Protein backbone atom coordinates (compact mmCIF):
# COMPACT_ATOMS: atom_id res chain seq x y z
CA MET A 1 1.78 -12.39 34.14
CA GLU A 2 -0.30 -9.21 34.00
CA LYS A 3 -1.68 -8.01 30.72
CA THR A 4 -0.06 -4.91 29.27
CA LYS A 5 -1.44 -1.65 30.56
CA ASN A 6 -2.49 0.95 28.03
CA GLN A 7 0.96 2.46 27.59
CA TYR A 8 0.96 2.34 23.79
CA ASP A 9 -0.97 4.57 21.38
CA ILE A 10 -4.25 2.69 20.99
CA GLN A 11 -5.41 4.88 18.11
CA GLN A 12 -2.30 3.98 16.14
CA ILE A 13 -3.02 0.31 16.79
CA HIS A 14 -6.65 0.70 15.74
CA ASP A 15 -5.71 2.47 12.52
CA LYS A 16 -3.40 -0.34 11.44
CA LEU A 17 -5.83 -3.09 12.45
CA LEU A 18 -8.60 -1.37 10.50
CA GLU A 19 -6.41 -1.19 7.40
CA ILE A 20 -5.82 -4.94 7.57
CA LEU A 21 -9.48 -5.72 8.28
CA VAL A 22 -10.77 -3.63 5.38
CA TYR A 23 -8.26 -5.22 2.99
CA PHE A 24 -9.22 -8.67 4.29
CA ARG A 25 -12.94 -7.91 3.86
CA ASP A 26 -12.47 -6.78 0.27
CA PHE A 27 -10.28 -9.81 -0.50
CA CYS A 28 -12.97 -12.15 0.85
CA TYR A 29 -15.70 -10.47 -1.15
CA LYS A 30 -13.67 -10.76 -4.36
CA ASN A 31 -12.83 -14.43 -3.77
CA ASN A 32 -16.20 -15.68 -2.47
CA LEU A 33 -14.99 -16.36 1.06
CA ASN A 34 -17.29 -15.77 4.02
CA PHE A 35 -16.10 -14.38 7.34
CA PHE A 36 -17.74 -12.82 10.39
CA LEU A 37 -16.57 -10.48 13.13
CA ALA A 38 -15.91 -12.48 16.28
CA GLY A 39 -15.28 -11.94 19.98
CA GLY A 40 -14.49 -8.46 21.17
CA THR A 41 -14.48 -7.18 17.60
CA CYS A 42 -18.13 -8.15 17.25
CA ILE A 43 -18.91 -6.58 20.64
CA GLY A 44 -17.23 -3.42 19.41
CA ALA A 45 -19.42 -3.36 16.30
CA ALA A 46 -22.62 -3.91 18.29
CA ARG A 47 -21.82 -1.58 21.19
CA HIS A 48 -19.48 1.08 19.77
CA HIS A 49 -19.92 0.77 15.98
CA GLY A 50 -16.18 0.22 15.92
CA PHE A 51 -13.38 -0.87 18.20
CA ILE A 52 -13.86 -1.32 21.91
CA PRO A 53 -11.81 1.72 23.01
CA TRP A 54 -9.21 -0.34 24.90
CA ASP A 55 -9.15 -3.39 22.59
CA ASP A 56 -5.89 -4.06 20.75
CA ASP A 57 -6.82 -6.92 18.42
CA VAL A 58 -9.27 -8.08 15.74
CA ASP A 59 -10.83 -11.55 15.57
CA VAL A 60 -12.90 -12.99 12.75
CA PHE A 61 -14.56 -16.37 12.21
CA MET A 62 -14.41 -18.52 9.09
CA LEU A 63 -16.09 -21.86 8.50
CA ARG A 64 -13.49 -24.58 7.98
CA SER A 65 -14.13 -24.95 4.24
CA ASP A 66 -13.32 -21.29 3.53
CA TYR A 67 -10.56 -21.26 6.15
CA GLU A 68 -8.69 -24.01 4.31
CA LYS A 69 -9.00 -22.13 1.01
CA LEU A 70 -7.68 -18.88 2.45
CA GLN A 71 -3.94 -19.55 2.50
CA LYS A 72 -3.70 -20.76 -1.10
CA LEU A 73 -5.89 -17.96 -2.45
CA TRP A 74 -3.91 -15.40 -0.46
CA GLN A 75 -0.61 -16.52 -1.93
CA GLU A 76 -2.08 -16.39 -5.44
CA LYS A 77 -4.16 -13.20 -5.35
CA ALA A 78 -3.36 -10.98 -2.35
CA ASP A 79 -0.84 -8.16 -2.12
CA THR A 80 1.80 -10.27 -0.40
CA ASN A 81 4.29 -7.42 -0.37
CA ARG A 82 1.96 -5.64 2.01
CA TYR A 83 0.31 -8.48 3.93
CA SER A 84 1.21 -12.08 4.76
CA VAL A 85 -0.95 -15.01 5.76
CA VAL A 86 0.75 -16.89 8.61
CA ARG A 87 -0.27 -20.27 10.03
CA SER A 88 1.71 -22.75 12.10
CA ASP A 89 3.05 -25.65 10.04
CA ASP A 90 5.87 -28.19 10.00
CA LYS A 91 8.49 -25.44 9.68
CA ILE A 92 7.36 -22.72 12.10
CA ASN A 93 5.15 -22.47 15.14
CA ILE A 94 3.53 -19.15 16.03
CA HIS A 95 2.05 -20.64 19.24
CA HIS A 96 -1.43 -19.77 18.07
CA SER A 97 -4.07 -22.03 16.56
CA ALA A 98 -5.57 -19.33 14.32
CA THR A 99 -4.32 -18.05 10.99
CA GLU A 100 -2.92 -14.52 11.16
CA ILE A 101 -3.09 -11.83 8.50
CA LYS A 102 0.00 -9.75 9.21
CA ASP A 103 1.19 -6.34 8.04
CA ASN A 104 4.71 -6.80 6.65
CA ASN A 105 5.68 -3.20 7.29
CA THR A 106 5.05 -3.09 11.03
CA THR A 107 6.55 -4.43 14.25
CA PHE A 108 4.35 -5.80 17.04
CA ILE A 109 6.32 -8.14 19.29
CA ASN A 110 4.52 -10.08 22.01
CA ARG A 111 6.57 -10.98 25.06
CA HIS A 112 5.99 -14.73 24.57
CA SER A 113 7.40 -14.57 21.02
CA VAL A 114 10.43 -12.36 21.65
CA ASN A 115 12.80 -15.29 21.08
CA LEU A 116 11.05 -16.64 17.99
CA ASP A 117 12.24 -16.09 14.44
CA ILE A 118 8.75 -15.53 13.03
CA HIS A 119 6.77 -12.76 11.36
CA GLN A 120 6.50 -10.08 14.06
CA GLY A 121 4.07 -7.68 12.38
CA ILE A 122 0.70 -6.55 13.73
CA MET A 123 -2.13 -8.90 12.77
CA ILE A 124 -5.78 -9.83 12.71
CA ASP A 125 -6.73 -13.38 13.74
CA VAL A 126 -8.80 -15.69 11.54
CA ILE A 127 -10.42 -18.39 13.68
CA PRO A 128 -11.85 -21.56 12.09
CA LEU A 129 -15.25 -22.95 13.02
CA ASP A 130 -15.92 -26.67 12.70
CA ALA A 131 -19.08 -28.74 12.70
CA VAL A 132 -19.95 -30.16 16.13
CA ALA A 133 -20.08 -33.96 16.06
CA PRO A 134 -23.62 -35.42 15.93
CA THR A 135 -23.54 -37.94 18.84
CA ALA A 136 -22.56 -37.74 22.51
CA PHE A 137 -19.65 -40.17 22.08
CA SER A 138 -18.32 -38.47 18.94
CA ARG A 139 -18.57 -35.10 20.69
CA PHE A 140 -16.50 -36.49 23.56
CA THR A 141 -13.77 -37.77 21.24
CA GLN A 142 -13.89 -34.50 19.30
CA ALA A 143 -13.23 -32.62 22.56
CA VAL A 144 -10.28 -34.91 23.34
CA TYR A 145 -8.78 -34.30 19.89
CA SER A 146 -9.37 -30.58 20.42
CA MET A 147 -7.46 -30.51 23.70
CA LEU A 148 -4.54 -32.47 22.25
CA PHE A 149 -4.51 -30.20 19.21
CA CYS A 150 -4.37 -27.12 21.43
CA LEU A 151 -1.60 -28.57 23.58
CA TYR A 152 0.74 -29.50 20.74
CA ASN A 153 -0.17 -26.59 18.50
CA PHE A 154 0.34 -23.86 21.10
CA GLN A 155 3.37 -25.65 22.60
CA ARG A 156 3.56 -23.31 25.56
CA LEU A 157 2.27 -23.47 29.09
CA PRO A 158 -1.15 -21.83 29.48
CA GLU A 159 -1.48 -18.87 31.83
CA HIS A 160 -4.61 -18.05 33.85
CA LYS A 161 -6.16 -21.47 33.07
CA GLY A 162 -5.80 -23.03 36.51
CA LYS A 163 -3.20 -25.31 38.06
CA LEU A 164 -4.66 -28.53 36.65
CA THR A 165 -4.45 -27.27 33.07
CA TYR A 166 -1.01 -25.78 33.64
CA TYR A 167 0.59 -28.90 35.10
CA GLY A 168 -1.29 -31.24 32.74
CA SER A 169 0.12 -29.25 29.82
CA LYS A 170 3.58 -29.31 31.36
CA VAL A 171 3.49 -33.10 31.59
CA GLY A 172 2.14 -33.48 28.06
CA LEU A 173 4.79 -31.22 26.55
CA GLY A 174 7.48 -32.90 28.63
CA LEU A 175 6.55 -36.32 27.29
CA ILE A 176 6.79 -35.20 23.65
CA ARG A 177 9.71 -32.85 23.07
CA SER A 178 10.29 -33.35 19.35
CA PHE A 179 8.83 -30.56 17.22
CA LYS A 180 8.23 -32.96 14.30
CA ILE A 181 6.31 -35.41 16.48
CA ARG A 182 4.29 -32.61 18.08
CA TYR A 183 3.43 -31.35 14.60
CA LYS A 184 2.27 -34.80 13.48
CA ILE A 185 0.10 -35.12 16.58
CA TRP A 186 -1.55 -31.74 16.17
CA LYS A 187 -2.21 -32.24 12.44
CA PHE A 188 -3.72 -35.66 13.13
CA CYS A 189 -5.93 -34.21 15.87
CA GLU A 190 -6.92 -31.23 13.72
CA LYS A 191 -8.02 -33.57 10.94
CA LYS A 192 -10.02 -35.70 13.38
CA MET A 193 -11.77 -32.82 15.15
CA SER A 194 -12.71 -31.10 11.86
CA ARG A 195 -13.84 -34.16 9.90
CA TYR A 196 -17.61 -33.72 10.32
CA SER A 197 -19.72 -32.27 7.52
CA LEU A 198 -21.95 -29.25 8.08
CA LYS A 199 -24.65 -31.11 6.16
CA ASP A 200 -24.84 -33.73 8.93
CA CYS A 201 -24.59 -31.37 11.90
CA THR A 202 -26.64 -28.59 13.42
CA HIS A 203 -24.01 -26.52 15.25
CA VAL A 204 -20.47 -25.23 14.88
CA ALA A 205 -17.80 -24.34 17.44
CA SER A 206 -14.23 -23.11 17.69
CA PHE A 207 -12.15 -26.14 18.64
CA GLY A 208 -8.74 -24.47 18.61
CA GLU A 209 -9.15 -22.10 21.55
CA GLY A 210 -9.41 -24.39 24.53
CA LEU A 211 -12.06 -26.25 26.51
CA THR A 212 -14.06 -23.22 27.69
CA ILE A 213 -14.56 -21.82 24.19
CA LEU A 214 -15.39 -25.13 22.50
CA LYS A 215 -18.40 -25.49 24.84
CA GLN A 216 -19.92 -22.46 23.11
CA ARG A 217 -21.84 -23.86 20.16
CA PHE A 218 -23.78 -21.94 17.55
CA PRO A 219 -26.40 -22.93 14.94
CA VAL A 220 -24.96 -23.54 11.48
CA GLU A 221 -27.54 -21.31 9.83
CA TRP A 222 -26.10 -18.23 11.56
CA PHE A 223 -23.10 -18.55 9.24
CA SER A 224 -24.85 -19.15 5.90
CA ASP A 225 -23.74 -15.88 4.27
CA MET A 226 -22.52 -12.33 4.96
CA SER A 227 -25.86 -10.59 4.46
CA VAL A 228 -26.03 -9.21 8.02
CA THR A 229 -23.65 -6.33 8.68
CA LEU A 230 -22.94 -3.74 11.34
CA PRO A 231 -21.10 -0.43 11.02
CA PHE A 232 -17.49 -0.63 12.14
CA GLU A 233 -15.36 2.53 12.05
CA GLY A 234 -17.27 3.79 9.02
CA TYR A 235 -17.29 0.46 7.15
CA GLU A 236 -19.97 -2.23 6.97
CA MET A 237 -18.63 -5.50 8.36
CA PRO A 238 -20.34 -8.93 8.34
CA VAL A 239 -21.57 -10.45 11.59
CA VAL A 240 -23.38 -13.73 12.32
CA HIS A 241 -27.07 -13.63 11.57
CA ASP A 242 -28.20 -13.62 15.20
CA TYR A 243 -25.24 -11.70 16.57
CA ASP A 244 -27.14 -10.75 19.74
CA SER A 245 -27.62 -14.42 20.69
CA TYR A 246 -24.03 -15.24 19.72
CA LEU A 247 -22.66 -12.48 21.94
CA THR A 248 -25.01 -13.33 24.80
CA ILE A 249 -23.96 -17.00 24.71
CA SER A 250 -20.31 -15.99 24.65
CA TYR A 251 -20.26 -13.02 27.05
CA GLY A 252 -23.59 -12.63 28.83
CA ASP A 253 -24.48 -8.94 29.19
CA TYR A 254 -22.12 -7.77 26.46
CA MET A 255 -23.65 -4.29 26.25
CA THR A 256 -22.32 -3.41 29.70
CA PRO A 257 -18.60 -2.51 29.54
CA ILE A 258 -16.20 -4.30 31.86
CA PRO A 259 -14.91 -2.44 34.97
CA GLU A 260 -12.36 0.27 34.23
CA GLU A 261 -9.57 -1.54 36.08
CA ASP A 262 -9.92 -4.50 33.70
CA ARG A 263 -9.60 -2.41 30.54
CA VAL A 264 -6.12 -3.55 29.56
CA PHE A 265 -4.62 -4.77 26.32
CA ARG A 266 -5.05 -8.41 25.41
CA HIS A 267 -1.52 -8.66 24.04
CA ASP A 268 1.48 -8.51 26.33
CA ILE A 269 3.34 -6.11 24.05
CA TYR A 270 7.12 -6.21 24.35
CA PHE A 271 7.90 -3.73 21.57
CA MET A 272 5.89 -1.92 18.91
CA ASP A 273 6.77 0.19 15.87
CA LEU A 274 3.91 0.43 13.39
CA ASN A 275 5.92 2.48 10.89
CA ASN A 276 8.81 0.05 10.30
CA SER A 277 9.09 -3.60 9.37
CA TYR A 278 9.86 -6.14 12.08
CA LYS A 279 12.82 -7.27 9.96
CA LYS A 280 14.64 -4.11 11.02
CA TYR A 281 14.62 -5.30 14.62
CA LYS A 282 15.81 -8.89 14.31
CA GLY A 283 18.73 -9.37 16.67
CA ILE A 284 17.88 -6.07 18.35
CA LYS A 285 14.36 -6.46 19.76
CA TYR A 286 13.71 -10.15 19.04
CA CYS A 287 15.96 -13.18 18.50
CA VAL A 288 18.64 -11.28 20.37
CA PRO A 289 21.87 -13.30 20.74
CA LYS A 290 22.51 -14.34 24.34
CA ASP A 291 25.75 -12.40 24.53
CA ARG A 292 23.85 -9.17 23.76
CA LYS A 293 21.10 -9.60 26.34
């Protein structure tokens, strides 16, 4: 499936994403939670002092300890009428291993979630970082737990990951069809892959984004605090201490923009309305009864 071409108003998307990001930043400052711009969002800060012009999402990192505190603190102290914290659990699956901070008053429906009765607002992604296991054998088992976690957390067939990954995932999902059992497997694997202490390890990695990403490992000390910032759309946003090395490890020559023909949205947007709540469109744009399709 091709990624969505730039047929939506990217400035409108950027404005909403920035609103969420600034609120999230201020919430973290007030509640002693550390986060760092990640992925293309960090490239945007370093190269453009804001969004990559064609980027339609925001990613941030959090160390596991703060990541696990986030949901409870959000429910207690955030403006939950305006924003929701959404994470897959034993009741819903958003087919995404990250936690999402979603705007309740918007609609941003991805094609893969058009049949899901979930929060369909625009979001920023909060990605957990875990300590990399200290020995070769424990790193191998950690990688196995990571792959099983990804399989049963995402619960959908991966695109653009090669035939081996696609058919391996198809077999794995076919063997375990029960949502409750899949949930128990992914929670068990998540606990196992994140069980190592930062005090005993030298590096961290993102274990919920697949095999390619988990091979990218970064020194723990890069994430000690939010003292290093870069300008982002007129705001100062925290980045990892050696953000140049982080981006080089992850992307190579990140200062050179990708070819123009590859500048497409990351999300496969099915429908977007950033001025009205997704609830308005249930049964119309998502979760549409079969007799109305």
